[in-house]
Amino acid sequence: LGAFDIILNGIPIARWARRKAKLIIAALALAPKGVTHYELAELLGDGDPASGDAILRMSYSALKRTLEPDLAPRAASSYVWHADGRYGLDWHKVTDTDFGKFNAAIAAGDLACVKAPLDAVAAYEEAVQLYRGDLFDDDDLRDYFEEARQACRERATRTLGWLAEFHQGRGDSSGAEEALVRAFAIAPLDEAA
C-alpha cells in the first residue's frame, strides 16, 4: 500500500500519458472481477457518466499504450481487458498487488488467530509490513477511493491492536508498545487502536 506504483518487467512506469489512465488501472486493481463501463465513466467524469464516457475511451487507449507502447491501435491488451461492458485486469498477467497481498495476509491471520496464534502473528506482521501508507497515497489518486483507503486503514489498525493484545498477553510489553505506536501512526485519532 502507500503510493501507487506499477512495475512492468522490473521497470517502474514513471510517466503516464493521461492522468485518468492511471485512475482506471487503480480502480481495476481494487476490483478482482472487473468494473462496469458505467462505473468507470462515472468515476472518470467525477460523478457524471455522460462526460466520463468520452474520457474513458481516450484514457483506456492511453492506458493500453502506457502498459504496452508497441501495441497496435485497437489491439487487445495483455494486461487489461474490455468485454461485455466490463473492464478488468488479466490476473494471469498481473500477478502481484500490495492490496491483494495485504488482504490475503489479514485473511490468513483472521483464520489462524484463535487456533494458531503464532501463525496469525506471522500473517498479521506480513500485512502491516505491506501497509507503508494510505492506499494510493499519490497526488493523482488522493481524491479518489476514500472508502477503500479507510477500510485498509481500519484493517491495519485492528490488526495492530490484535498484535498489541497478543504481545501484552505474553508479557512482551515492548512488542505491545511497538504495535500500538504503529497503529497510532496509521490512524492517530482511531480510539479502537
N, C-alpha and C. Protein backbone atom coordinates (compact mmCIF):
# COMPACT_ATOMS: atom_id res chain seq x y z
N LEU A 1 0.85 -1.18 0.00
CA LEU A 1 0.00 0.00 0.00
C LEU A 1 0.89 1.24 0.00
N GLY A 2 0.34 2.38 0.12
CA GLY A 2 1.11 3.60 0.02
C GLY A 2 0.97 4.18 -1.37
N ALA A 3 2.02 4.80 -1.85
CA ALA A 3 1.98 5.43 -3.18
C ALA A 3 1.69 4.40 -4.26
N PHE A 4 1.08 4.85 -5.33
CA PHE A 4 0.69 3.99 -6.44
C PHE A 4 1.88 3.79 -7.37
N ASP A 5 2.27 2.55 -7.55
CA ASP A 5 3.37 2.21 -8.47
C ASP A 5 2.97 1.01 -9.29
N ILE A 6 3.39 1.02 -10.55
CA ILE A 6 3.25 -0.16 -11.40
C ILE A 6 4.64 -0.48 -11.92
N ILE A 7 5.00 -1.75 -11.80
CA ILE A 7 6.31 -2.19 -12.27
C ILE A 7 6.07 -3.27 -13.32
N LEU A 8 6.55 -3.03 -14.53
CA LEU A 8 6.43 -3.98 -15.62
C LEU A 8 7.82 -4.47 -15.99
N ASN A 9 8.00 -5.76 -15.95
CA ASN A 9 9.29 -6.36 -16.30
C ASN A 9 10.43 -5.72 -15.51
N GLY A 10 10.18 -5.44 -14.24
CA GLY A 10 11.20 -4.89 -13.37
C GLY A 10 11.42 -3.39 -13.50
N ILE A 11 10.66 -2.72 -14.35
CA ILE A 11 10.85 -1.29 -14.59
C ILE A 11 9.58 -0.54 -14.17
N PRO A 12 9.72 0.43 -13.24
CA PRO A 12 8.53 1.20 -12.83
C PRO A 12 8.04 2.11 -13.97
N ILE A 13 6.73 2.24 -14.08
CA ILE A 13 6.16 3.20 -15.02
C ILE A 13 6.21 4.55 -14.34
N ALA A 14 7.00 5.44 -14.89
CA ALA A 14 7.20 6.75 -14.27
C ALA A 14 6.33 7.82 -14.92
N ARG A 15 5.93 7.61 -16.14
CA ARG A 15 5.21 8.65 -16.88
C ARG A 15 3.92 8.10 -17.44
N TRP A 16 2.84 8.82 -17.19
CA TRP A 16 1.52 8.43 -17.67
C TRP A 16 1.07 9.43 -18.72
N ALA A 17 0.63 8.93 -19.88
CA ALA A 17 0.16 9.80 -20.96
C ALA A 17 -1.06 10.61 -20.52
N ARG A 18 -1.90 10.00 -19.73
CA ARG A 18 -3.10 10.68 -19.21
C ARG A 18 -3.26 10.30 -17.74
N ARG A 19 -3.54 11.29 -16.94
CA ARG A 19 -3.76 11.07 -15.52
C ARG A 19 -4.93 10.13 -15.27
N LYS A 20 -5.95 10.22 -16.10
CA LYS A 20 -7.14 9.37 -15.92
C LYS A 20 -6.84 7.91 -16.28
N ALA A 21 -5.82 7.65 -17.09
CA ALA A 21 -5.42 6.27 -17.37
C ALA A 21 -4.93 5.61 -16.08
N LYS A 22 -4.21 6.37 -15.31
CA LYS A 22 -3.73 5.89 -14.01
C LYS A 22 -4.91 5.62 -13.08
N LEU A 23 -5.92 6.46 -13.14
CA LEU A 23 -7.12 6.29 -12.34
C LEU A 23 -7.85 5.00 -12.72
N ILE A 24 -7.89 4.70 -14.02
CA ILE A 24 -8.55 3.47 -14.47
C ILE A 24 -7.85 2.25 -13.89
N ILE A 25 -6.53 2.18 -14.01
CA ILE A 25 -5.85 0.98 -13.54
C ILE A 25 -5.92 0.86 -12.02
N ALA A 26 -5.95 1.97 -11.33
CA ALA A 26 -6.12 1.93 -9.86
C ALA A 26 -7.49 1.33 -9.52
N ALA A 27 -8.52 1.77 -10.22
CA ALA A 27 -9.87 1.23 -9.98
C ALA A 27 -9.92 -0.26 -10.29
N LEU A 28 -9.26 -0.67 -11.36
CA LEU A 28 -9.26 -2.08 -11.73
C LEU A 28 -8.49 -2.93 -10.72
N ALA A 29 -7.44 -2.36 -10.14
CA ALA A 29 -6.65 -3.10 -9.15
C ALA A 29 -7.46 -3.42 -7.90
N LEU A 30 -8.49 -2.64 -7.64
CA LEU A 30 -9.34 -2.85 -6.47
C LEU A 30 -10.53 -3.77 -6.76
N ALA A 31 -10.68 -4.16 -8.03
CA ALA A 31 -11.88 -4.92 -8.43
C ALA A 31 -11.49 -6.22 -9.12
N PRO A 32 -11.30 -7.29 -8.37
CA PRO A 32 -10.86 -8.55 -8.97
C PRO A 32 -11.77 -9.07 -10.09
N LYS A 33 -13.05 -8.73 -10.03
CA LYS A 33 -13.98 -9.21 -11.06
C LYS A 33 -14.25 -8.17 -12.13
N GLY A 34 -13.54 -7.06 -12.08
CA GLY A 34 -13.72 -6.03 -13.08
C GLY A 34 -14.71 -4.95 -12.64
N VAL A 35 -14.86 -3.95 -13.51
CA VAL A 35 -15.70 -2.79 -13.24
C VAL A 35 -16.55 -2.55 -14.49
N THR A 36 -17.78 -2.13 -14.29
CA THR A 36 -18.64 -1.86 -15.46
C THR A 36 -18.20 -0.57 -16.16
N HIS A 37 -18.58 -0.48 -17.41
CA HIS A 37 -18.32 0.73 -18.20
C HIS A 37 -18.93 1.93 -17.49
N TYR A 38 -20.17 1.79 -17.02
CA TYR A 38 -20.85 2.89 -16.34
C TYR A 38 -20.08 3.34 -15.10
N GLU A 39 -19.60 2.38 -14.28
CA GLU A 39 -18.86 2.73 -13.07
C GLU A 39 -17.58 3.50 -13.39
N LEU A 40 -16.86 3.04 -14.41
CA LEU A 40 -15.63 3.76 -14.79
C LEU A 40 -15.95 5.14 -15.37
N ALA A 41 -16.99 5.22 -16.20
CA ALA A 41 -17.36 6.52 -16.77
C ALA A 41 -17.77 7.49 -15.67
N GLU A 42 -18.50 7.00 -14.69
CA GLU A 42 -18.91 7.85 -13.57
C GLU A 42 -17.68 8.31 -12.77
N LEU A 43 -16.74 7.41 -12.53
CA LEU A 43 -15.52 7.76 -11.81
C LEU A 43 -14.70 8.80 -12.58
N LEU A 44 -14.51 8.56 -13.86
CA LEU A 44 -13.69 9.46 -14.67
C LEU A 44 -14.37 10.80 -14.91
N GLY A 45 -15.70 10.80 -14.92
CA GLY A 45 -16.44 12.04 -15.11
C GLY A 45 -16.76 12.74 -13.80
N ASP A 46 -16.10 12.34 -12.73
CA ASP A 46 -16.32 12.92 -11.41
C ASP A 46 -17.81 12.94 -11.04
N GLY A 47 -18.46 11.80 -11.24
CA GLY A 47 -19.87 11.66 -10.89
C GLY A 47 -20.81 11.82 -12.06
N ASP A 48 -20.30 12.25 -13.22
CA ASP A 48 -21.14 12.45 -14.41
C ASP A 48 -20.73 11.43 -15.47
N PRO A 49 -21.47 10.30 -15.56
CA PRO A 49 -21.08 9.27 -16.51
C PRO A 49 -21.13 9.72 -17.97
N ALA A 50 -21.99 10.67 -18.30
CA ALA A 50 -22.06 11.14 -19.69
C ALA A 50 -20.75 11.80 -20.11
N SER A 51 -20.21 12.68 -19.28
CA SER A 51 -18.93 13.31 -19.62
C SER A 51 -17.77 12.33 -19.45
N GLY A 52 -17.93 11.38 -18.54
CA GLY A 52 -16.88 10.40 -18.32
C GLY A 52 -16.74 9.39 -19.44
N ASP A 53 -17.80 9.22 -20.24
CA ASP A 53 -17.77 8.24 -21.33
C ASP A 53 -16.66 8.55 -22.33
N ALA A 54 -16.57 9.78 -22.80
CA ALA A 54 -15.52 10.16 -23.76
C ALA A 54 -14.14 10.08 -23.10
N ILE A 55 -14.06 10.48 -21.85
CA ILE A 55 -12.79 10.40 -21.12
C ILE A 55 -12.35 8.95 -21.01
N LEU A 56 -13.30 8.05 -20.77
CA LEU A 56 -12.98 6.64 -20.65
C LEU A 56 -12.40 6.10 -21.96
N ARG A 57 -13.00 6.41 -23.07
CA ARG A 57 -12.48 5.91 -24.36
C ARG A 57 -11.05 6.37 -24.58
N MET A 58 -10.78 7.65 -24.36
CA MET A 58 -9.42 8.18 -24.58
C MET A 58 -8.44 7.63 -23.54
N SER A 59 -8.86 7.58 -22.32
CA SER A 59 -7.96 7.16 -21.25
C SER A 59 -7.68 5.66 -21.29
N TYR A 60 -8.64 4.87 -21.71
CA TYR A 60 -8.41 3.42 -21.85
C TYR A 60 -7.36 3.16 -22.93
N SER A 61 -7.45 3.87 -24.02
CA SER A 61 -6.44 3.74 -25.08
C SER A 61 -5.07 4.19 -24.58
N ALA A 62 -5.05 5.28 -23.83
CA ALA A 62 -3.78 5.78 -23.27
C ALA A 62 -3.21 4.77 -22.27
N LEU A 63 -4.08 4.14 -21.50
CA LEU A 63 -3.62 3.12 -20.54
C LEU A 63 -2.96 1.96 -21.28
N LYS A 64 -3.60 1.47 -22.33
CA LYS A 64 -3.02 0.36 -23.09
C LYS A 64 -1.67 0.75 -23.68
N ARG A 65 -1.56 1.98 -24.21
CA ARG A 65 -0.28 2.45 -24.78
C ARG A 65 0.79 2.60 -23.70
N THR A 66 0.39 3.02 -22.51
CA THR A 66 1.35 3.17 -21.41
C THR A 66 1.89 1.80 -21.01
N LEU A 67 1.01 0.83 -20.89
CA LEU A 67 1.43 -0.51 -20.47
C LEU A 67 2.17 -1.27 -21.58
N GLU A 68 1.76 -1.02 -22.82
CA GLU A 68 2.34 -1.74 -23.96
C GLU A 68 2.56 -0.76 -25.11
N PRO A 69 3.67 -0.03 -25.08
CA PRO A 69 3.91 1.01 -26.07
C PRO A 69 3.89 0.51 -27.53
N ASP A 70 4.21 -0.73 -27.76
CA ASP A 70 4.25 -1.27 -29.12
C ASP A 70 2.92 -1.89 -29.56
N LEU A 71 1.90 -1.80 -28.73
CA LEU A 71 0.60 -2.38 -29.05
C LEU A 71 -0.04 -1.63 -30.22
N ALA A 72 -0.53 -2.37 -31.20
CA ALA A 72 -1.19 -1.76 -32.36
C ALA A 72 -2.49 -1.08 -31.92
N PRO A 73 -2.88 0.01 -32.60
CA PRO A 73 -4.14 0.68 -32.26
C PRO A 73 -5.31 -0.31 -32.30
N ARG A 74 -6.19 -0.20 -31.35
CA ARG A 74 -7.39 -1.04 -31.21
C ARG A 74 -7.09 -2.51 -30.92
N ALA A 75 -5.84 -2.86 -30.71
CA ALA A 75 -5.49 -4.24 -30.37
C ALA A 75 -5.80 -4.49 -28.89
N ALA A 76 -6.07 -5.74 -28.58
CA ALA A 76 -6.34 -6.11 -27.19
C ALA A 76 -5.05 -6.06 -26.39
N SER A 77 -5.15 -5.63 -25.16
CA SER A 77 -4.01 -5.55 -24.25
C SER A 77 -3.76 -6.90 -23.59
N SER A 78 -2.53 -7.12 -23.21
CA SER A 78 -2.20 -8.33 -22.45
C SER A 78 -2.54 -8.17 -20.97
N TYR A 79 -2.70 -6.94 -20.51
CA TYR A 79 -2.86 -6.68 -19.08
C TYR A 79 -4.26 -6.27 -18.67
N VAL A 80 -4.98 -5.58 -19.54
CA VAL A 80 -6.34 -5.14 -19.22
C VAL A 80 -7.28 -5.66 -20.29
N TRP A 81 -8.51 -5.94 -19.89
CA TRP A 81 -9.49 -6.44 -20.84
C TRP A 81 -10.76 -5.59 -20.81
N HIS A 82 -11.48 -5.68 -21.90
CA HIS A 82 -12.77 -5.00 -22.03
C HIS A 82 -13.69 -5.94 -22.78
N ALA A 83 -14.75 -6.38 -22.12
CA ALA A 83 -15.70 -7.29 -22.75
C ALA A 83 -17.05 -7.15 -22.07
N ASP A 84 -18.09 -7.24 -22.86
CA ASP A 84 -19.47 -7.24 -22.34
C ASP A 84 -19.73 -6.08 -21.38
N GLY A 85 -19.22 -4.91 -21.72
CA GLY A 85 -19.48 -3.72 -20.91
C GLY A 85 -18.70 -3.67 -19.60
N ARG A 86 -17.69 -4.50 -19.47
CA ARG A 86 -16.86 -4.53 -18.25
C ARG A 86 -15.39 -4.37 -18.64
N TYR A 87 -14.63 -3.84 -17.68
CA TYR A 87 -13.18 -3.70 -17.81
C TYR A 87 -12.55 -4.41 -16.62
N GLY A 88 -11.36 -4.96 -16.84
CA GLY A 88 -10.68 -5.62 -15.73
C GLY A 88 -9.22 -5.84 -16.03
N LEU A 89 -8.51 -6.32 -15.03
CA LEU A 89 -7.12 -6.70 -15.18
C LEU A 89 -7.06 -8.19 -15.49
N ASP A 90 -6.11 -8.59 -16.31
CA ASP A 90 -5.88 -10.01 -16.56
C ASP A 90 -5.02 -10.52 -15.42
N TRP A 91 -5.65 -11.19 -14.47
CA TRP A 91 -4.95 -11.62 -13.25
C TRP A 91 -3.97 -12.75 -13.51
N HIS A 92 -3.93 -13.29 -14.73
CA HIS A 92 -2.88 -14.24 -15.09
C HIS A 92 -1.58 -13.50 -15.41
N LYS A 93 -1.71 -12.27 -15.88
CA LYS A 93 -0.53 -11.44 -16.20
C LYS A 93 -0.18 -10.51 -15.04
N VAL A 94 -1.20 -9.97 -14.40
CA VAL A 94 -0.99 -9.08 -13.26
C VAL A 94 -0.99 -9.98 -12.03
N THR A 95 0.19 -10.38 -11.62
CA THR A 95 0.28 -11.44 -10.63
C THR A 95 0.42 -10.94 -9.20
N ASP A 96 0.65 -9.68 -9.02
CA ASP A 96 1.02 -9.23 -7.69
C ASP A 96 0.55 -7.81 -7.43
N THR A 97 -0.23 -7.61 -6.38
CA THR A 97 -0.55 -6.26 -5.92
C THR A 97 -0.39 -6.23 -4.41
N ASP A 98 0.11 -5.13 -3.89
CA ASP A 98 0.20 -4.99 -2.44
C ASP A 98 -1.18 -5.08 -1.80
N PHE A 99 -2.17 -4.52 -2.47
CA PHE A 99 -3.54 -4.55 -1.97
C PHE A 99 -4.01 -6.00 -1.80
N GLY A 100 -3.77 -6.83 -2.81
CA GLY A 100 -4.16 -8.23 -2.74
C GLY A 100 -3.38 -8.99 -1.68
N LYS A 101 -2.07 -8.75 -1.61
CA LYS A 101 -1.25 -9.44 -0.60
C LYS A 101 -1.65 -9.00 0.82
N PHE A 102 -1.93 -7.72 1.00
CA PHE A 102 -2.36 -7.18 2.29
C PHE A 102 -3.64 -7.88 2.75
N ASN A 103 -4.63 -7.92 1.86
CA ASN A 103 -5.91 -8.55 2.21
C ASN A 103 -5.76 -10.05 2.46
N ALA A 104 -4.92 -10.71 1.67
CA ALA A 104 -4.71 -12.15 1.86
C ALA A 104 -4.02 -12.42 3.20
N ALA A 105 -3.04 -11.61 3.55
CA ALA A 105 -2.34 -11.80 4.83
C ALA A 105 -3.28 -11.58 6.01
N ILE A 106 -4.13 -10.56 5.93
CA ILE A 106 -5.08 -10.33 7.02
C ILE A 106 -6.09 -11.48 7.09
N ALA A 107 -6.56 -11.96 5.94
CA ALA A 107 -7.49 -13.09 5.95
C ALA A 107 -6.84 -14.33 6.57
N ALA A 108 -5.57 -14.57 6.26
CA ALA A 108 -4.86 -15.72 6.84
C ALA A 108 -4.72 -15.54 8.35
N GLY A 109 -4.42 -14.33 8.79
CA GLY A 109 -4.33 -14.06 10.22
C GLY A 109 -5.66 -14.23 10.92
N ASP A 110 -6.73 -13.76 10.28
CA ASP A 110 -8.06 -13.90 10.86
C ASP A 110 -8.43 -15.37 11.05
N LEU A 111 -8.06 -16.21 10.07
CA LEU A 111 -8.36 -17.64 10.18
C LEU A 111 -7.55 -18.31 11.29
N ALA A 112 -6.33 -17.84 11.50
CA ALA A 112 -5.42 -18.50 12.44
C ALA A 112 -5.49 -17.95 13.85
N CYS A 113 -6.07 -16.79 14.06
CA CYS A 113 -5.91 -16.09 15.35
C CYS A 113 -6.43 -16.87 16.55
N VAL A 114 -7.40 -17.74 16.40
CA VAL A 114 -7.94 -18.48 17.54
C VAL A 114 -7.17 -19.77 17.78
N LYS A 115 -6.97 -20.55 16.72
CA LYS A 115 -6.38 -21.88 16.89
C LYS A 115 -4.86 -21.92 16.74
N ALA A 116 -4.30 -20.97 16.02
CA ALA A 116 -2.85 -20.96 15.78
C ALA A 116 -2.34 -19.53 15.87
N PRO A 117 -2.32 -18.95 17.07
CA PRO A 117 -1.98 -17.54 17.21
C PRO A 117 -0.58 -17.17 16.68
N LEU A 118 0.38 -18.06 16.75
CA LEU A 118 1.70 -17.73 16.21
C LEU A 118 1.66 -17.60 14.69
N ASP A 119 0.82 -18.40 14.04
CA ASP A 119 0.63 -18.25 12.60
C ASP A 119 -0.07 -16.92 12.30
N ALA A 120 -1.01 -16.55 13.16
CA ALA A 120 -1.71 -15.27 13.00
C ALA A 120 -0.72 -14.12 13.12
N VAL A 121 0.19 -14.21 14.10
CA VAL A 121 1.20 -13.15 14.28
C VAL A 121 2.00 -12.99 13.00
N ALA A 122 2.46 -14.09 12.42
CA ALA A 122 3.26 -14.02 11.19
C ALA A 122 2.46 -13.39 10.05
N ALA A 123 1.21 -13.81 9.90
CA ALA A 123 0.38 -13.27 8.82
C ALA A 123 0.09 -11.80 9.04
N TYR A 124 -0.27 -11.43 10.27
CA TYR A 124 -0.57 -10.04 10.56
C TYR A 124 0.68 -9.15 10.41
N GLU A 125 1.83 -9.67 10.82
CA GLU A 125 3.07 -8.90 10.64
C GLU A 125 3.34 -8.66 9.15
N GLU A 126 3.08 -9.68 8.34
CA GLU A 126 3.25 -9.52 6.90
C GLU A 126 2.33 -8.41 6.38
N ALA A 127 1.09 -8.43 6.84
CA ALA A 127 0.11 -7.42 6.40
C ALA A 127 0.56 -6.02 6.79
N VAL A 128 0.98 -5.83 8.03
CA VAL A 128 1.34 -4.47 8.46
C VAL A 128 2.65 -4.01 7.82
N GLN A 129 3.51 -4.95 7.43
CA GLN A 129 4.70 -4.55 6.68
C GLN A 129 4.32 -4.02 5.30
N LEU A 130 3.27 -4.56 4.73
CA LEU A 130 2.79 -4.09 3.42
C LEU A 130 2.11 -2.73 3.51
N TYR A 131 1.65 -2.37 4.70
CA TYR A 131 0.97 -1.08 4.89
C TYR A 131 2.04 0.00 5.09
N ARG A 132 2.49 0.57 3.98
CA ARG A 132 3.54 1.60 4.01
C ARG A 132 2.96 3.01 3.92
N GLY A 133 1.66 3.09 3.98
CA GLY A 133 0.97 4.37 3.90
C GLY A 133 -0.43 4.14 3.38
N ASP A 134 -1.22 5.19 3.35
CA ASP A 134 -2.59 5.07 2.86
C ASP A 134 -2.62 4.54 1.43
N LEU A 135 -3.65 3.76 1.14
CA LEU A 135 -3.86 3.22 -0.19
C LEU A 135 -3.86 4.33 -1.23
N PHE A 136 -3.05 4.16 -2.28
CA PHE A 136 -2.97 5.13 -3.38
C PHE A 136 -2.68 6.53 -2.88
N ASP A 137 -1.73 6.65 -2.01
CA ASP A 137 -1.33 7.95 -1.46
C ASP A 137 -0.45 8.64 -2.50
N ASP A 138 -1.11 9.21 -3.47
CA ASP A 138 -0.47 9.72 -4.66
C ASP A 138 -1.24 10.97 -5.10
N ASP A 139 -0.56 11.99 -5.55
CA ASP A 139 -1.23 13.25 -5.92
C ASP A 139 -2.38 13.03 -6.90
N ASP A 140 -2.18 12.15 -7.90
CA ASP A 140 -3.21 11.94 -8.91
C ASP A 140 -4.41 11.15 -8.40
N LEU A 141 -4.26 10.41 -7.31
CA LEU A 141 -5.31 9.50 -6.87
C LEU A 141 -5.88 9.81 -5.49
N ARG A 142 -5.29 10.76 -4.81
CA ARG A 142 -5.67 11.05 -3.42
C ARG A 142 -7.14 11.42 -3.27
N ASP A 143 -7.74 12.01 -4.29
CA ASP A 143 -9.13 12.45 -4.20
C ASP A 143 -10.13 11.33 -4.49
N TYR A 144 -9.64 10.13 -4.75
CA TYR A 144 -10.50 9.01 -5.11
C TYR A 144 -10.29 7.86 -4.12
N PHE A 145 -11.19 6.92 -4.10
CA PHE A 145 -11.05 5.65 -3.37
C PHE A 145 -11.00 5.82 -1.85
N GLU A 146 -11.65 6.82 -1.31
CA GLU A 146 -11.60 7.06 0.13
C GLU A 146 -12.18 5.89 0.93
N GLU A 147 -13.24 5.28 0.43
CA GLU A 147 -13.84 4.15 1.14
C GLU A 147 -12.85 2.97 1.25
N ALA A 148 -12.18 2.64 0.16
CA ALA A 148 -11.19 1.55 0.18
C ALA A 148 -9.99 1.94 1.04
N ARG A 149 -9.58 3.19 0.96
CA ARG A 149 -8.45 3.69 1.76
C ARG A 149 -8.77 3.57 3.26
N GLN A 150 -9.97 3.99 3.64
CA GLN A 150 -10.39 3.92 5.04
C GLN A 150 -10.50 2.47 5.51
N ALA A 151 -11.01 1.59 4.65
CA ALA A 151 -11.14 0.17 5.02
C ALA A 151 -9.76 -0.44 5.27
N CYS A 152 -8.79 -0.12 4.44
CA CYS A 152 -7.42 -0.63 4.65
C CYS A 152 -6.83 -0.08 5.94
N ARG A 153 -7.04 1.19 6.18
CA ARG A 153 -6.54 1.83 7.40
C ARG A 153 -7.14 1.15 8.63
N GLU A 154 -8.45 0.90 8.60
CA GLU A 154 -9.12 0.25 9.73
C GLU A 154 -8.63 -1.18 9.92
N ARG A 155 -8.43 -1.90 8.82
CA ARG A 155 -7.94 -3.28 8.94
C ARG A 155 -6.53 -3.30 9.52
N ALA A 156 -5.70 -2.36 9.09
CA ALA A 156 -4.33 -2.30 9.61
C ALA A 156 -4.32 -1.97 11.10
N THR A 157 -5.13 -1.00 11.53
CA THR A 157 -5.13 -0.64 12.95
C THR A 157 -5.76 -1.74 13.80
N ARG A 158 -6.79 -2.40 13.28
CA ARG A 158 -7.38 -3.54 14.00
C ARG A 158 -6.35 -4.65 14.17
N THR A 159 -5.60 -4.91 13.11
CA THR A 159 -4.57 -5.94 13.14
C THR A 159 -3.48 -5.59 14.16
N LEU A 160 -3.07 -4.34 14.16
CA LEU A 160 -2.06 -3.91 15.12
C LEU A 160 -2.60 -3.95 16.55
N GLY A 161 -3.88 -3.66 16.73
CA GLY A 161 -4.49 -3.79 18.06
C GLY A 161 -4.45 -5.23 18.54
N TRP A 162 -4.75 -6.18 17.63
CA TRP A 162 -4.68 -7.60 17.99
C TRP A 162 -3.25 -7.98 18.36
N LEU A 163 -2.29 -7.51 17.56
CA LEU A 163 -0.88 -7.82 17.86
C LEU A 163 -0.46 -7.25 19.21
N ALA A 164 -0.92 -6.04 19.53
CA ALA A 164 -0.59 -5.43 20.83
C ALA A 164 -1.15 -6.29 21.97
N GLU A 165 -2.41 -6.72 21.84
CA GLU A 165 -3.01 -7.57 22.87
C GLU A 165 -2.27 -8.91 22.98
N PHE A 166 -1.91 -9.48 21.85
CA PHE A 166 -1.19 -10.76 21.85
C PHE A 166 0.14 -10.61 22.59
N HIS A 167 0.90 -9.58 22.23
CA HIS A 167 2.21 -9.38 22.87
C HIS A 167 2.05 -9.08 24.37
N GLN A 168 1.07 -8.27 24.71
CA GLN A 168 0.84 -7.94 26.12
C GLN A 168 0.47 -9.20 26.90
N GLY A 169 -0.36 -10.05 26.30
CA GLY A 169 -0.75 -11.30 26.96
C GLY A 169 0.41 -12.25 27.18
N ARG A 170 1.45 -12.11 26.40
CA ARG A 170 2.64 -12.95 26.57
C ARG A 170 3.70 -12.27 27.42
N GLY A 171 3.36 -11.11 27.98
CA GLY A 171 4.30 -10.40 28.82
C GLY A 171 5.33 -9.59 28.05
N ASP A 172 5.08 -9.38 26.77
CA ASP A 172 6.01 -8.63 25.91
C ASP A 172 5.49 -7.20 25.76
N SER A 173 5.75 -6.37 26.77
CA SER A 173 5.22 -5.01 26.74
C SER A 173 5.89 -4.18 25.65
N SER A 174 7.13 -4.48 25.32
CA SER A 174 7.80 -3.73 24.26
C SER A 174 7.18 -4.04 22.90
N GLY A 175 6.83 -5.31 22.65
CA GLY A 175 6.14 -5.68 21.41
C GLY A 175 4.76 -5.05 21.33
N ALA A 176 4.07 -5.02 22.47
CA ALA A 176 2.75 -4.41 22.52
C ALA A 176 2.85 -2.91 22.24
N GLU A 177 3.83 -2.27 22.86
CA GLU A 177 4.01 -0.83 22.66
C GLU A 177 4.34 -0.53 21.20
N GLU A 178 5.21 -1.34 20.61
CA GLU A 178 5.57 -1.13 19.20
C GLU A 178 4.35 -1.21 18.29
N ALA A 179 3.48 -2.21 18.52
CA ALA A 179 2.27 -2.35 17.72
C ALA A 179 1.35 -1.15 17.90
N LEU A 180 1.20 -0.67 19.13
CA LEU A 180 0.33 0.48 19.38
C LEU A 180 0.90 1.75 18.76
N VAL A 181 2.20 1.93 18.81
CA VAL A 181 2.83 3.10 18.18
C VAL A 181 2.59 3.07 16.68
N ARG A 182 2.74 1.89 16.07
CA ARG A 182 2.48 1.76 14.63
C ARG A 182 1.02 2.05 14.31
N ALA A 183 0.10 1.56 15.15
CA ALA A 183 -1.32 1.82 14.92
C ALA A 183 -1.62 3.31 15.02
N PHE A 184 -1.05 3.97 16.01
CA PHE A 184 -1.26 5.40 16.19
C PHE A 184 -0.70 6.18 15.00
N ALA A 185 0.41 5.73 14.43
CA ALA A 185 0.99 6.40 13.27
C ALA A 185 0.05 6.29 12.06
N ILE A 186 -0.66 5.18 11.95
CA ILE A 186 -1.59 4.98 10.83
C ILE A 186 -2.86 5.81 11.02
N ALA A 187 -3.40 5.75 12.23
CA ALA A 187 -4.69 6.41 12.49
C ALA A 187 -4.63 7.08 13.87
N PRO A 188 -4.03 8.28 13.94
CA PRO A 188 -3.83 8.93 15.23
C PRO A 188 -5.11 9.17 16.03
N LEU A 189 -6.26 9.29 15.38
CA LEU A 189 -7.49 9.60 16.11
C LEU A 189 -8.38 8.38 16.28
N ASP A 190 -7.90 7.21 15.88
CA ASP A 190 -8.71 5.98 15.99
C ASP A 190 -8.59 5.43 17.40
N GLU A 191 -9.64 5.59 18.18
CA GLU A 191 -9.61 5.17 19.58
C GLU A 191 -9.63 3.65 19.71
N ALA A 192 -10.06 2.92 18.65
CA ALA A 192 -10.10 1.47 18.73
C ALA A 192 -8.73 0.87 18.75
N ALA A 193 -7.76 1.55 18.17
CA ALA A 193 -6.38 1.03 18.15
C ALA A 193 -5.79 1.26 19.50
